[in-house]
Amino acid sequence: MGAKASHVSEVSENENLRKLIGTESISENDPFWNQLISFSFTSPTNSADTKLLEETTVLLSKALIENNPRTGNFGALVRIFLSRTKELKISTECQE
């Protein structure tokens, strides 16, 4: 799936999301984070897709909550996000 836009119904099957919520810790240096951040999907266009997305994210969130005390993947995601936003800010300041 990578950077290719997926349909809402494919979100729960995304390999990278599965790894994030899984039982294994992911190093902050792992190229996985680039793949995860590049994941996108087509926004819901009807109420059925919106409901499906909500149900899917609830299930994924529950798995992340259950596994995160062992893996720390949510904390790693936050640190990666903060690091990337700092890089982006520096990049935009250099362009000015």
N, C-alpha and C. Protein backbone atom coordinates (compact mmCIF):
# COMPACT_ATOMS: atom_id res chain seq x y z
N MET A 1 0.81 -1.19 0.00
CA MET A 1 0.00 0.00 0.00
C MET A 1 0.85 1.25 0.00
N GLY A 2 1.88 1.35 0.85
CA GLY A 2 2.81 2.46 0.81
C GLY A 2 2.16 3.82 0.70
N ALA A 3 2.68 4.63 -0.25
CA ALA A 3 2.16 5.98 -0.43
C ALA A 3 0.90 6.00 -1.28
N LYS A 4 0.56 4.88 -1.86
CA LYS A 4 -0.63 4.78 -2.69
C LYS A 4 -1.88 4.96 -1.83
N ALA A 5 -2.80 5.75 -2.31
CA ALA A 5 -4.05 5.96 -1.56
C ALA A 5 -4.87 4.68 -1.59
N SER A 6 -5.35 4.29 -0.44
CA SER A 6 -6.16 3.10 -0.29
C SER A 6 -7.59 3.49 0.03
N HIS A 7 -8.48 2.54 -0.12
CA HIS A 7 -9.87 2.74 0.24
C HIS A 7 -10.03 2.51 1.74
N VAL A 8 -11.02 3.11 2.33
CA VAL A 8 -11.29 2.98 3.76
C VAL A 8 -11.35 1.51 4.19
N SER A 9 -11.91 0.66 3.37
CA SER A 9 -12.05 -0.75 3.73
C SER A 9 -10.70 -1.46 3.85
N GLU A 10 -9.65 -0.87 3.30
CA GLU A 10 -8.32 -1.49 3.34
C GLU A 10 -7.48 -1.02 4.52
N VAL A 11 -7.97 -0.05 5.28
CA VAL A 11 -7.19 0.51 6.38
C VAL A 11 -6.82 -0.56 7.39
N SER A 12 -7.77 -1.39 7.78
CA SER A 12 -7.49 -2.39 8.81
C SER A 12 -6.51 -3.46 8.35
N GLU A 13 -6.34 -3.59 7.05
CA GLU A 13 -5.43 -4.59 6.52
C GLU A 13 -4.06 -4.03 6.20
N ASN A 14 -3.86 -2.73 6.45
CA ASN A 14 -2.58 -2.11 6.12
C ASN A 14 -1.46 -2.72 6.97
N GLU A 15 -0.45 -3.20 6.29
CA GLU A 15 0.68 -3.87 6.92
C GLU A 15 1.37 -2.97 7.96
N ASN A 16 1.54 -1.70 7.62
CA ASN A 16 2.24 -0.79 8.52
C ASN A 16 1.42 -0.49 9.77
N LEU A 17 0.14 -0.30 9.61
CA LEU A 17 -0.71 -0.08 10.79
C LEU A 17 -0.72 -1.32 11.67
N ARG A 18 -0.76 -2.48 11.04
CA ARG A 18 -0.73 -3.74 11.79
C ARG A 18 0.56 -3.85 12.61
N LYS A 19 1.68 -3.45 12.01
CA LYS A 19 2.96 -3.49 12.71
C LYS A 19 2.96 -2.49 13.88
N LEU A 20 2.43 -1.30 13.66
CA LEU A 20 2.37 -0.28 14.71
C LEU A 20 1.61 -0.77 15.93
N ILE A 21 0.48 -1.41 15.71
CA ILE A 21 -0.37 -1.84 16.83
C ILE A 21 0.00 -3.23 17.33
N GLY A 22 0.98 -3.86 16.70
CA GLY A 22 1.36 -5.22 17.04
C GLY A 22 2.08 -5.35 18.36
N THR A 23 2.66 -6.50 18.59
CA THR A 23 3.28 -6.84 19.88
C THR A 23 4.79 -6.61 19.89
N GLU A 24 5.36 -6.19 18.77
CA GLU A 24 6.81 -5.97 18.69
C GLU A 24 7.13 -4.48 18.77
N SER A 25 8.19 -4.16 19.53
CA SER A 25 8.66 -2.77 19.59
C SER A 25 9.33 -2.42 18.27
N ILE A 26 9.15 -1.17 17.85
CA ILE A 26 9.75 -0.70 16.60
C ILE A 26 10.75 0.39 16.95
N SER A 27 11.99 0.19 16.54
CA SER A 27 13.05 1.16 16.78
C SER A 27 12.74 2.48 16.07
N GLU A 28 13.11 3.58 16.70
CA GLU A 28 12.89 4.88 16.09
C GLU A 28 13.74 5.07 14.83
N ASN A 29 14.75 4.22 14.65
CA ASN A 29 15.61 4.30 13.46
C ASN A 29 15.12 3.40 12.33
N ASP A 30 14.07 2.67 12.56
CA ASP A 30 13.54 1.72 11.57
C ASP A 30 12.92 2.48 10.40
N PRO A 31 13.23 2.09 9.16
CA PRO A 31 12.62 2.72 7.97
C PRO A 31 11.10 2.57 7.94
N PHE A 32 10.58 1.71 8.80
CA PHE A 32 9.14 1.52 8.92
C PHE A 32 8.42 2.86 9.08
N TRP A 33 8.98 3.77 9.88
CA TRP A 33 8.30 5.03 10.17
C TRP A 33 8.06 5.85 8.91
N ASN A 34 9.01 5.81 7.96
CA ASN A 34 8.81 6.52 6.69
C ASN A 34 7.63 5.94 5.93
N GLN A 35 7.53 4.63 5.94
CA GLN A 35 6.43 3.96 5.26
C GLN A 35 5.09 4.28 5.92
N LEU A 36 5.08 4.26 7.25
CA LEU A 36 3.85 4.55 7.98
C LEU A 36 3.38 5.97 7.71
N ILE A 37 4.30 6.91 7.78
CA ILE A 37 3.95 8.32 7.58
C ILE A 37 3.47 8.58 6.16
N SER A 38 3.93 7.81 5.20
CA SER A 38 3.51 8.02 3.81
C SER A 38 2.18 7.37 3.48
N PHE A 39 1.63 6.58 4.41
CA PHE A 39 0.35 5.91 4.17
C PHE A 39 -0.78 6.92 4.05
N SER A 40 -1.61 6.75 3.07
CA SER A 40 -2.80 7.61 2.93
C SER A 40 -3.95 6.75 2.41
N PHE A 41 -5.13 7.28 2.59
CA PHE A 41 -6.31 6.60 2.07
C PHE A 41 -7.32 7.65 1.63
N THR A 42 -8.20 7.24 0.77
CA THR A 42 -9.24 8.13 0.27
C THR A 42 -10.23 8.41 1.39
N SER A 43 -10.52 9.69 1.60
CA SER A 43 -11.47 10.07 2.64
C SER A 43 -12.84 9.50 2.35
N PRO A 44 -13.58 9.18 3.40
CA PRO A 44 -14.93 8.65 3.21
C PRO A 44 -15.80 9.64 2.44
N THR A 45 -16.61 9.12 1.55
CA THR A 45 -17.49 9.98 0.74
C THR A 45 -18.96 9.73 1.05
N ASN A 46 -19.23 8.75 1.90
CA ASN A 46 -20.62 8.49 2.26
C ASN A 46 -20.68 8.00 3.70
N SER A 47 -21.87 7.91 4.23
CA SER A 47 -22.04 7.55 5.64
C SER A 47 -21.58 6.12 5.92
N ALA A 48 -21.72 5.22 4.98
CA ALA A 48 -21.28 3.84 5.18
C ALA A 48 -19.76 3.77 5.35
N ASP A 49 -19.05 4.50 4.50
CA ASP A 49 -17.58 4.53 4.61
C ASP A 49 -17.14 5.22 5.90
N THR A 50 -17.86 6.26 6.30
CA THR A 50 -17.54 6.96 7.54
C THR A 50 -17.71 6.03 8.72
N LYS A 51 -18.78 5.27 8.74
CA LYS A 51 -19.02 4.31 9.83
C LYS A 51 -17.96 3.23 9.83
N LEU A 52 -17.60 2.73 8.65
CA LEU A 52 -16.58 1.70 8.53
C LEU A 52 -15.24 2.22 9.06
N LEU A 53 -14.89 3.45 8.72
CA LEU A 53 -13.64 4.03 9.19
C LEU A 53 -13.64 4.15 10.72
N GLU A 54 -14.75 4.60 11.27
CA GLU A 54 -14.86 4.74 12.72
C GLU A 54 -14.71 3.39 13.40
N GLU A 55 -15.40 2.38 12.90
CA GLU A 55 -15.31 1.04 13.50
C GLU A 55 -13.90 0.49 13.40
N THR A 56 -13.26 0.71 12.26
CA THR A 56 -11.91 0.22 12.05
C THR A 56 -10.93 0.90 12.98
N THR A 57 -11.02 2.21 13.10
CA THR A 57 -10.07 2.92 13.96
C THR A 57 -10.27 2.57 15.44
N VAL A 58 -11.50 2.30 15.83
CA VAL A 58 -11.74 1.88 17.22
C VAL A 58 -11.04 0.55 17.49
N LEU A 59 -11.17 -0.39 16.57
CA LEU A 59 -10.52 -1.69 16.75
C LEU A 59 -8.99 -1.57 16.76
N LEU A 60 -8.46 -0.76 15.84
CA LEU A 60 -7.01 -0.57 15.78
C LEU A 60 -6.52 0.13 17.05
N SER A 61 -7.27 1.11 17.50
CA SER A 61 -6.89 1.84 18.72
C SER A 61 -6.87 0.93 19.94
N LYS A 62 -7.84 0.06 20.04
CA LYS A 62 -7.89 -0.88 21.17
C LYS A 62 -6.66 -1.78 21.18
N ALA A 63 -6.25 -2.25 20.02
CA ALA A 63 -5.07 -3.10 19.94
C ALA A 63 -3.81 -2.31 20.32
N LEU A 64 -3.73 -1.06 19.87
CA LEU A 64 -2.59 -0.22 20.22
C LEU A 64 -2.54 0.01 21.73
N ILE A 65 -3.68 0.31 22.32
CA ILE A 65 -3.75 0.52 23.77
C ILE A 65 -3.34 -0.73 24.53
N GLU A 66 -3.76 -1.87 24.05
CA GLU A 66 -3.44 -3.13 24.72
C GLU A 66 -1.95 -3.46 24.63
N ASN A 67 -1.34 -3.23 23.47
CA ASN A 67 0.05 -3.63 23.25
C ASN A 67 1.07 -2.56 23.60
N ASN A 68 0.67 -1.30 23.64
CA ASN A 68 1.62 -0.22 23.85
C ASN A 68 2.41 -0.29 25.15
N PRO A 69 1.85 -0.75 26.26
CA PRO A 69 2.67 -0.82 27.48
C PRO A 69 3.92 -1.69 27.30
N ARG A 70 3.87 -2.69 26.43
CA ARG A 70 5.02 -3.55 26.16
C ARG A 70 5.90 -3.00 25.05
N THR A 71 5.28 -2.42 24.03
CA THR A 71 6.05 -2.01 22.85
C THR A 71 6.56 -0.58 22.91
N GLY A 72 5.77 0.32 23.48
CA GLY A 72 6.15 1.73 23.48
C GLY A 72 6.04 2.37 22.11
N ASN A 73 5.33 1.72 21.19
CA ASN A 73 5.26 2.23 19.82
C ASN A 73 4.53 3.57 19.72
N PHE A 74 3.56 3.82 20.58
CA PHE A 74 2.86 5.10 20.52
C PHE A 74 3.81 6.24 20.88
N GLY A 75 4.60 6.05 21.92
CA GLY A 75 5.59 7.06 22.30
C GLY A 75 6.60 7.28 21.19
N ALA A 76 7.03 6.20 20.55
CA ALA A 76 7.97 6.33 19.43
C ALA A 76 7.32 7.11 18.29
N LEU A 77 6.05 6.84 18.02
CA LEU A 77 5.33 7.57 16.97
C LEU A 77 5.30 9.07 17.28
N VAL A 78 5.02 9.42 18.52
CA VAL A 78 4.97 10.83 18.91
C VAL A 78 6.35 11.47 18.75
N ARG A 79 7.40 10.77 19.19
CA ARG A 79 8.76 11.32 19.04
C ARG A 79 9.15 11.49 17.58
N ILE A 80 8.80 10.52 16.74
CA ILE A 80 9.07 10.61 15.30
C ILE A 80 8.33 11.81 14.72
N PHE A 81 7.06 11.95 15.08
CA PHE A 81 6.25 13.06 14.58
C PHE A 81 6.85 14.40 14.99
N LEU A 82 7.24 14.53 16.25
CA LEU A 82 7.83 15.79 16.72
C LEU A 82 9.14 16.08 16.01
N SER A 83 9.93 15.06 15.81
CA SER A 83 11.20 15.22 15.11
C SER A 83 10.98 15.68 13.67
N ARG A 84 10.01 15.06 13.01
CA ARG A 84 9.72 15.43 11.61
C ARG A 84 9.17 16.84 11.50
N THR A 85 8.35 17.24 12.46
CA THR A 85 7.81 18.60 12.39
C THR A 85 8.91 19.63 12.62
N LYS A 86 9.88 19.32 13.49
CA LYS A 86 11.02 20.21 13.69
C LYS A 86 11.82 20.33 12.39
N GLU A 87 12.06 19.19 11.74
CA GLU A 87 12.79 19.18 10.47
C GLU A 87 12.06 20.00 9.43
N LEU A 88 10.75 19.85 9.37
CA LEU A 88 9.94 20.60 8.41
C LEU A 88 10.01 22.09 8.70
N LYS A 89 9.94 22.47 9.96
CA LYS A 89 10.01 23.88 10.34
C LYS A 89 11.35 24.47 9.95
N ILE A 90 12.43 23.76 10.25
CA ILE A 90 13.76 24.23 9.89
C ILE A 90 13.87 24.37 8.38
N SER A 91 13.35 23.40 7.66
CA SER A 91 13.39 23.43 6.19
C SER A 91 12.67 24.63 5.63
N THR A 92 11.49 24.94 6.17
CA THR A 92 10.73 26.10 5.66
C THR A 92 11.41 27.40 6.03
N GLU A 93 12.06 27.46 7.20
CA GLU A 93 12.79 28.67 7.59
C GLU A 93 13.99 28.91 6.69
N CYS A 94 14.66 27.82 6.28
CA CYS A 94 15.82 27.95 5.39
C CYS A 94 15.40 28.42 3.99
N GLN A 95 14.19 28.07 3.58
CA GLN A 95 13.71 28.48 2.25
C GLN A 95 13.41 29.95 2.20
N GLU A 96 13.11 30.56 3.35
CA GLU A 96 12.79 31.98 3.40
C GLU A 96 14.09 32.72 3.37
